[in-house]
Each structure stands twice: as C-alpha cells, then as structure tokens.
Amino acid sequence: AAGKRWGEQARALQPSTAEVYGVLADSLT
C-alpha cells in the first residue's frame, strides 16, 4: 500500500518515467 502511494506521488511528478510504472506494477499486482 505504501509502495503504491509512493509510486503515485512519483507519477504525478514524472509521468513519462518508466521506473514509476515498475513500482506501481509491483505494488498493484
């Protein structure tokens, strides 16, 4: 849940950065 929150905060700043979606994919899975 914390991983998702951090991923979402990073996505708001860097939506074109692949690593953001790696964090989100891992946490959401």
PDB file of all heavy atoms in Angstrom:
ATOM      1  N   ALA A   1       0.843  -1.205   0.000  1.00  0.00           N
ATOM      2  CA  ALA A   1       0.000   0.000   0.000  1.00  0.00           C
ATOM      3  C   ALA A   1       0.872   1.246   0.000  1.00  0.00           C
ATOM      4  O   ALA A   1       0.606   2.212  -0.727  1.00  0.00           O
ATOM      5  CB  ALA A   1      -0.941  -0.019   1.203  1.00  0.00           C
ATOM      6  N   ALA A   2       1.941   1.238   0.801  1.00  0.00           N
ATOM      7  CA  ALA A   2       2.872   2.371   0.797  1.00  0.00           C
ATOM      8  C   ALA A   2       3.612   2.459  -0.528  1.00  0.00           C
ATOM      9  O   ALA A   2       3.854   3.558  -1.050  1.00  0.00           O
ATOM     10  CB  ALA A   2       3.867   2.241   1.948  1.00  0.00           C
ATOM     11  N   GLY A   3       3.976   1.298  -1.103  1.00  0.00           N
ATOM     12  CA  GLY A   3       4.627   1.317  -2.410  1.00  0.00           C
ATOM     13  C   GLY A   3       3.754   1.976  -3.448  1.00  0.00           C
ATOM     14  O   GLY A   3       4.231   2.769  -4.278  1.00  0.00           O
ATOM     15  N   LYS A   4       2.454   1.680  -3.413  1.00  0.00           N
ATOM     16  CA  LYS A   4       1.521   2.311  -4.342  1.00  0.00           C
ATOM     17  C   LYS A   4       1.471   3.822  -4.128  1.00  0.00           C
ATOM     18  O   LYS A   4       1.496   4.600  -5.091  1.00  0.00           O
ATOM     19  CB  LYS A   4       0.134   1.700  -4.157  1.00  0.00           C
ATOM     20  CG  LYS A   4      -0.948   2.346  -5.003  1.00  0.00           C
ATOM     21  CD  LYS A   4      -2.324   1.780  -4.667  1.00  0.00           C
ATOM     22  CE  LYS A   4      -3.429   2.519  -5.403  1.00  0.00           C
ATOM     23  NZ  LYS A   4      -4.775   2.024  -5.015  1.00  0.00           N
ATOM     24  N   ARG A   5       1.407   4.249  -2.873  1.00  0.00           N
ATOM     25  CA  ARG A   5       1.338   5.693  -2.592  1.00  0.00           C
ATOM     26  C   ARG A   5       2.578   6.417  -3.114  1.00  0.00           C
ATOM     27  O   ARG A   5       2.472   7.475  -3.737  1.00  0.00           O
ATOM     28  CB  ARG A   5       1.174   5.936  -1.093  1.00  0.00           C
ATOM     29  CG  ARG A   5      -0.188   5.542  -0.544  1.00  0.00           C
ATOM     30  CD  ARG A   5      -0.406   6.104   0.838  1.00  0.00           C
ATOM     31  NE  ARG A   5       0.529   5.579   1.813  1.00  0.00           N
ATOM     32  CZ  ARG A   5       0.331   4.464   2.521  1.00  0.00           C
ATOM     33  NH1 ARG A   5      -0.758   3.734   2.335  1.00  0.00           N
ATOM     34  NH2 ARG A   5       1.236   4.073   3.403  1.00  0.00           N
ATOM     35  N   TRP A   6       3.751   5.847  -2.860  1.00  0.00           N
ATOM     36  CA  TRP A   6       4.970   6.478  -3.356  1.00  0.00           C
ATOM     37  C   TRP A   6       5.006   6.479  -4.884  1.00  0.00           C
ATOM     38  O   TRP A   6       5.428   7.463  -5.502  1.00  0.00           O
ATOM     39  CB  TRP A   6       6.202   5.760  -2.813  1.00  0.00           C
ATOM     40  CG  TRP A   6       6.520   6.083  -1.384  1.00  0.00           C
ATOM     41  CD1 TRP A   6       6.444   5.250  -0.314  1.00  0.00           C
ATOM     42  CD2 TRP A   6       6.981   7.343  -0.873  1.00  0.00           C
ATOM     43  NE1 TRP A   6       6.809   5.903   0.838  1.00  0.00           N
ATOM     44  CE2 TRP A   6       7.161   7.184   0.520  1.00  0.00           C
ATOM     45  CE3 TRP A   6       7.250   8.582  -1.449  1.00  0.00           C
ATOM     46  CZ2 TRP A   6       7.604   8.219   1.342  1.00  0.00           C
ATOM     47  CZ3 TRP A   6       7.687   9.622  -0.640  1.00  0.00           C
ATOM     48  CH2 TRP A   6       7.865   9.442   0.731  1.00  0.00           C
ATOM     49  N   GLY A   7       4.561   5.398  -5.486  1.00  0.00           N
ATOM     50  CA  GLY A   7       4.521   5.351  -6.942  1.00  0.00           C
ATOM     51  C   GLY A   7       3.603   6.405  -7.528  1.00  0.00           C
ATOM     52  O   GLY A   7       3.930   7.038  -8.545  1.00  0.00           O
ATOM     53  N   GLU A   8       2.466   6.594  -6.910  1.00  0.00           N
ATOM     54  CA  GLU A   8       1.524   7.602  -7.403  1.00  0.00           C
ATOM     55  C   GLU A   8       2.086   9.008  -7.243  1.00  0.00           C
ATOM     56  O   GLU A   8       1.898   9.873  -8.119  1.00  0.00           O
ATOM     57  CB  GLU A   8       0.198   7.461  -6.670  1.00  0.00           C
ATOM     58  CG  GLU A   8      -0.585   6.210  -7.078  1.00  0.00           C
ATOM     59  CD  GLU A   8      -1.809   5.969  -6.235  1.00  0.00           C
ATOM     60  OE1 GLU A   8      -1.856   6.510  -5.092  1.00  0.00           O
ATOM     61  OE2 GLU A   8      -2.716   5.226  -6.677  1.00  0.00           O
ATOM     62  N   GLN A   9       2.787   9.267  -6.137  1.00  0.00           N
ATOM     63  CA  GLN A   9       3.412  10.586  -5.967  1.00  0.00           C
ATOM     64  C   GLN A   9       4.484  10.820  -7.020  1.00  0.00           C
ATOM     65  O   GLN A   9       4.590  11.924  -7.580  1.00  0.00           O
ATOM     66  CB  GLN A   9       4.023  10.693  -4.562  1.00  0.00           C
ATOM     67  CG  GLN A   9       3.010  10.771  -3.438  1.00  0.00           C
ATOM     68  CD  GLN A   9       3.687  10.916  -2.082  1.00  0.00           C
ATOM     69  OE1 GLN A   9       4.473  11.846  -1.857  1.00  0.00           O
ATOM     70  NE2 GLN A   9       3.396   9.991  -1.174  1.00  0.00           N
ATOM     71  N   ALA A  10       5.277   9.788  -7.289  1.00  0.00           N
ATOM     72  CA  ALA A  10       6.322   9.930  -8.308  1.00  0.00           C
ATOM     73  C   ALA A  10       5.713  10.119  -9.689  1.00  0.00           C
ATOM     74  O   ALA A  10       6.216  10.911 -10.503  1.00  0.00           O
ATOM     75  CB  ALA A  10       7.231   8.703  -8.286  1.00  0.00           C
ATOM     76  N   ARG A  11       4.630   9.412  -9.967  1.00  0.00           N
ATOM     77  CA  ARG A  11       3.978   9.547 -11.276  1.00  0.00           C
ATOM     78  C   ARG A  11       3.464  10.957 -11.492  1.00  0.00           C
ATOM     79  O   ARG A  11       3.517  11.485 -12.621  1.00  0.00           O
ATOM     80  CB  ARG A  11       2.831   8.547 -11.389  1.00  0.00           C
ATOM     81  CG  ARG A  11       2.090   8.614 -12.729  1.00  0.00           C
ATOM     82  CD  ARG A  11       1.035   7.546 -12.833  1.00  0.00           C
ATOM     83  NE  ARG A  11       0.052   7.644 -11.757  1.00  0.00           N
ATOM     84  CZ  ARG A  11      -0.911   6.751 -11.535  1.00  0.00           C
ATOM     85  NH1 ARG A  11      -0.998   5.665 -12.302  1.00  0.00           N
ATOM     86  NH2 ARG A  11      -1.762   6.903 -10.545  1.00  0.00           N
ATOM     87  N   ALA A  12       2.959  11.600 -10.445  1.00  0.00           N
ATOM     88  CA  ALA A  12       2.467  12.975 -10.577  1.00  0.00           C
ATOM     89  C   ALA A  12       3.585  13.922 -11.007  1.00  0.00           C
ATOM     90  O   ALA A  12       3.333  14.918 -11.696  1.00  0.00           O
ATOM     91  CB  ALA A  12       1.856  13.439  -9.254  1.00  0.00           C
ATOM     92  N   LEU A  13       4.828  13.602 -10.615  1.00  0.00           N
ATOM     93  CA  LEU A  13       5.965  14.446 -10.964  1.00  0.00           C
ATOM     94  C   LEU A  13       6.624  14.035 -12.271  1.00  0.00           C
ATOM     95  O   LEU A  13       7.102  14.877 -13.037  1.00  0.00           O
ATOM     96  CB  LEU A  13       7.008  14.399  -9.841  1.00  0.00           C
ATOM     97  CG  LEU A  13       6.607  14.998  -8.500  1.00  0.00           C
ATOM     98  CD1 LEU A  13       7.671  14.694  -7.451  1.00  0.00           C
ATOM     99  CD2 LEU A  13       6.401  16.509  -8.610  1.00  0.00           C
ATOM    100  N   GLN A  14       6.688  12.729 -12.520  1.00  0.00           N
ATOM    101  CA  GLN A  14       7.413  12.214 -13.685  1.00  0.00           C
ATOM    102  C   GLN A  14       6.564  11.163 -14.401  1.00  0.00           C
ATOM    103  O   GLN A  14       6.895   9.961 -14.397  1.00  0.00           O
ATOM    104  CB  GLN A  14       8.745  11.587 -13.230  1.00  0.00           C
ATOM    105  CG  GLN A  14       9.752  12.578 -12.699  1.00  0.00           C
ATOM    106  CD  GLN A  14      10.502  13.291 -13.815  1.00  0.00           C
ATOM    107  OE1 GLN A  14      10.279  13.012 -14.981  1.00  0.00           O
ATOM    108  NE2 GLN A  14      11.370  14.213 -13.455  1.00  0.00           N
ATOM    109  N   PRO A  15       5.470  11.572 -15.032  1.00  0.00           N
ATOM    110  CA  PRO A  15       4.580  10.591 -15.665  1.00  0.00           C
ATOM    111  C   PRO A  15       5.182   9.892 -16.871  1.00  0.00           C
ATOM    112  O   PRO A  15       4.624   8.899 -17.342  1.00  0.00           O
ATOM    113  CB  PRO A  15       3.367  11.434 -16.060  1.00  0.00           C
ATOM    114  CG  PRO A  15       3.900  12.825 -16.209  1.00  0.00           C
ATOM    115  CD  PRO A  15       4.960  12.954 -15.161  1.00  0.00           C
ATOM    116  N   SER A  16       6.302  10.379 -17.374  1.00  0.00           N
ATOM    117  CA  SER A  16       6.938   9.753 -18.538  1.00  0.00           C
ATOM    118  C   SER A  16       8.160   8.939 -18.156  1.00  0.00           C
ATOM    119  O   SER A  16       8.984   8.608 -19.013  1.00  0.00           O
ATOM    120  CB  SER A  16       7.338  10.832 -19.558  1.00  0.00           C
ATOM    121  OG  SER A  16       6.195  11.508 -20.033  1.00  0.00           O
ATOM    122  N   THR A  17       8.289   8.595 -16.877  1.00  0.00           N
ATOM    123  CA  THR A  17       9.429   7.830 -16.396  1.00  0.00           C
ATOM    124  C   THR A  17       9.026   6.385 -16.172  1.00  0.00           C
ATOM    125  O   THR A  17       8.108   6.107 -15.387  1.00  0.00           O
ATOM    126  CB  THR A  17       9.962   8.437 -15.080  1.00  0.00           C
ATOM    127  OG1 THR A  17      10.386   9.785 -15.338  1.00  0.00           O
ATOM    128  CG2 THR A  17      11.139   7.638 -14.549  1.00  0.00           C
ATOM    129  N   ALA A  18       9.687   5.477 -16.824  1.00  0.00           N
ATOM    130  CA  ALA A  18       9.286   4.064 -16.781  1.00  0.00           C
ATOM    131  C   ALA A  18       9.346   3.492 -15.377  1.00  0.00           C
ATOM    132  O   ALA A  18       8.495   2.674 -14.998  1.00  0.00           O
ATOM    133  CB  ALA A  18      10.184   3.259 -17.720  1.00  0.00           C
ATOM    134  N   GLU A  19      10.342   3.894 -14.575  1.00  0.00           N
ATOM    135  CA  GLU A  19      10.519   3.323 -13.244  1.00  0.00           C
ATOM    136  C   GLU A  19       9.305   3.539 -12.350  1.00  0.00           C
ATOM    137  O   GLU A  19       9.013   2.726 -11.472  1.00  0.00           O
ATOM    138  CB  GLU A  19      11.765   3.908 -12.579  1.00  0.00           C
ATOM    139  CG  GLU A  19      13.075   3.443 -13.183  1.00  0.00           C
ATOM    140  CD  GLU A  19      13.408   4.146 -14.491  1.00  0.00           C
ATOM    141  OE1 GLU A  19      12.784   5.181 -14.787  1.00  0.00           O
ATOM    142  OE2 GLU A  19      14.286   3.653 -15.224  1.00  0.00           O
ATOM    143  N   VAL A  20       8.589   4.651 -12.573  1.00  0.00           N
ATOM    144  CA  VAL A  20       7.355   4.905 -11.822  1.00  0.00           C
ATOM    145  C   VAL A  20       6.400   3.744 -11.990  1.00  0.00           C
ATOM    146  O   VAL A  20       5.799   3.243 -11.018  1.00  0.00           O
ATOM    147  CB  VAL A  20       6.704   6.213 -12.315  1.00  0.00           C
ATOM    148  CG1 VAL A  20       5.271   6.333 -11.805  1.00  0.00           C
ATOM    149  CG2 VAL A  20       7.525   7.419 -11.881  1.00  0.00           C
ATOM    150  N   TYR A  21       6.241   3.303 -13.201  1.00  0.00           N
ATOM    151  CA  TYR A  21       5.259   2.262 -13.502  1.00  0.00           C
ATOM    152  C   TYR A  21       5.749   0.887 -13.045  1.00  0.00           C
ATOM    153  O   TYR A  21       4.924   0.003 -12.761  1.00  0.00           O
ATOM    154  CB  TYR A  21       4.927   2.291 -14.987  1.00  0.00           C
ATOM    155  CG  TYR A  21       4.337   3.622 -15.383  1.00  0.00           C
ATOM    156  CD1 TYR A  21       5.091   4.569 -16.076  1.00  0.00           C
ATOM    157  CD2 TYR A  21       3.051   3.968 -14.994  1.00  0.00           C
ATOM    158  CE1 TYR A  21       4.562   5.812 -16.389  1.00  0.00           C
ATOM    159  CE2 TYR A  21       2.512   5.209 -15.313  1.00  0.00           C
ATOM    160  CZ  TYR A  21       3.276   6.127 -16.005  1.00  0.00           C
ATOM    161  OH  TYR A  21       2.752   7.364 -16.302  1.00  0.00           O
ATOM    162  N   GLY A  22       7.066   0.723 -12.923  1.00  0.00           N
ATOM    163  CA  GLY A  22       7.577  -0.507 -12.335  1.00  0.00           C
ATOM    164  C   GLY A  22       7.168  -0.645 -10.883  1.00  0.00           C
ATOM    165  O   GLY A  22       6.719  -1.703 -10.438  1.00  0.00           O
ATOM    166  N   VAL A  23       7.308   0.445 -10.128  1.00  0.00           N
ATOM    167  CA  VAL A  23       6.878   0.439  -8.722  1.00  0.00           C
ATOM    168  C   VAL A  23       5.391   0.161  -8.631  1.00  0.00           C
ATOM    169  O   VAL A  23       4.930  -0.662  -7.825  1.00  0.00           O
ATOM    170  CB  VAL A  23       7.227   1.778  -8.045  1.00  0.00           C
ATOM    171  CG1 VAL A  23       6.567   1.870  -6.664  1.00  0.00           C
ATOM    172  CG2 VAL A  23       8.740   1.926  -7.913  1.00  0.00           C
ATOM    173  N   LEU A  24       4.603   0.846  -9.455  1.00  0.00           N
ATOM    174  CA  LEU A  24       3.151   0.666  -9.409  1.00  0.00           C
ATOM    175  C   LEU A  24       2.738  -0.737  -9.832  1.00  0.00           C
ATOM    176  O   LEU A  24       1.847  -1.345  -9.224  1.00  0.00           O
ATOM    177  CB  LEU A  24       2.472   1.714 -10.290  1.00  0.00           C
ATOM    178  CG  LEU A  24       2.477   3.135  -9.731  1.00  0.00           C
ATOM    179  CD1 LEU A  24       1.975   4.124 -10.782  1.00  0.00           C
ATOM    180  CD2 LEU A  24       1.613   3.232  -8.472  1.00  0.00           C
ATOM    181  N   ALA A  25       3.362  -1.263 -10.866  1.00  0.00           N
ATOM    182  CA  ALA A  25       3.019  -2.618 -11.305  1.00  0.00           C
ATOM    183  C   ALA A  25       3.276  -3.632 -10.200  1.00  0.00           C
ATOM    184  O   ALA A  25       2.453  -4.524  -9.944  1.00  0.00           O
ATOM    185  CB  ALA A  25       3.820  -2.980 -12.555  1.00  0.00           C
ATOM    186  N   ASP A  26       4.411  -3.490  -9.515  1.00  0.00           N
ATOM    187  CA  ASP A  26       4.747  -4.432  -8.448  1.00  0.00           C
ATOM    188  C   ASP A  26       3.759  -4.343  -7.292  1.00  0.00           C
ATOM    189  O   ASP A  26       3.285  -5.360  -6.776  1.00  0.00           O
ATOM    190  CB  ASP A  26       6.161  -4.166  -7.947  1.00  0.00           C
ATOM    191  CG  ASP A  26       7.220  -4.450  -8.996  1.00  0.00           C
ATOM    192  OD1 ASP A  26       6.902  -5.097 -10.018  1.00  0.00           O
ATOM    193  OD2 ASP A  26       8.365  -4.008  -8.805  1.00  0.00           O
ATOM    194  N   SER A  27       3.458  -3.128  -6.865  1.00  0.00           N
ATOM    195  CA  SER A  27       2.557  -2.973  -5.717  1.00  0.00           C
ATOM    196  C   SER A  27       1.128  -3.370  -6.076  1.00  0.00           C
ATOM    197  O   SER A  27       0.456  -4.070  -5.304  1.00  0.00           O
ATOM    198  CB  SER A  27       2.606  -1.536  -5.185  1.00  0.00           C
ATOM    199  OG  SER A  27       2.258  -0.599  -6.180  1.00  0.00           O
ATOM    200  N   LEU A  28       0.643  -2.971  -7.238  1.00  0.00           N
ATOM    201  CA  LEU A  28      -0.736  -3.280  -7.615  1.00  0.00           C
ATOM    202  C   LEU A  28      -0.936  -4.776  -7.836  1.00  0.00           C
ATOM    203  O   LEU A  28      -1.997  -5.325  -7.505  1.00  0.00           O
ATOM    204  CB  LEU A  28      -1.123  -2.492  -8.860  1.00  0.00           C
ATOM    205  CG  LEU A  28      -1.232  -0.976  -8.658  1.00  0.00           C
ATOM    206  CD1 LEU A  28      -1.388  -0.262  -9.993  1.00  0.00           C
ATOM    207  CD2 LEU A  28      -2.377  -0.616  -7.729  1.00  0.00           C
ATOM    208  N   THR A  29       0.065  -5.452  -8.370  1.00  0.00           N
ATOM    209  CA  THR A  29      -0.028  -6.905  -8.515  1.00  0.00           C
ATOM    210  C   THR A  29      -0.240  -7.558  -7.160  1.00  0.00           C
ATOM    211  O   THR A  29      -1.113  -8.414  -6.984  1.00  0.00           O
ATOM    212  CB  THR A  29       1.244  -7.461  -9.167  1.00  0.00           C
ATOM    213  OG1 THR A  29       1.354  -6.951 -10.499  1.00  0.00           O
ATOM    214  CG2 THR A  29       1.216  -8.987  -9.230  1.00  0.00           C
TER     215      THR A  29
END
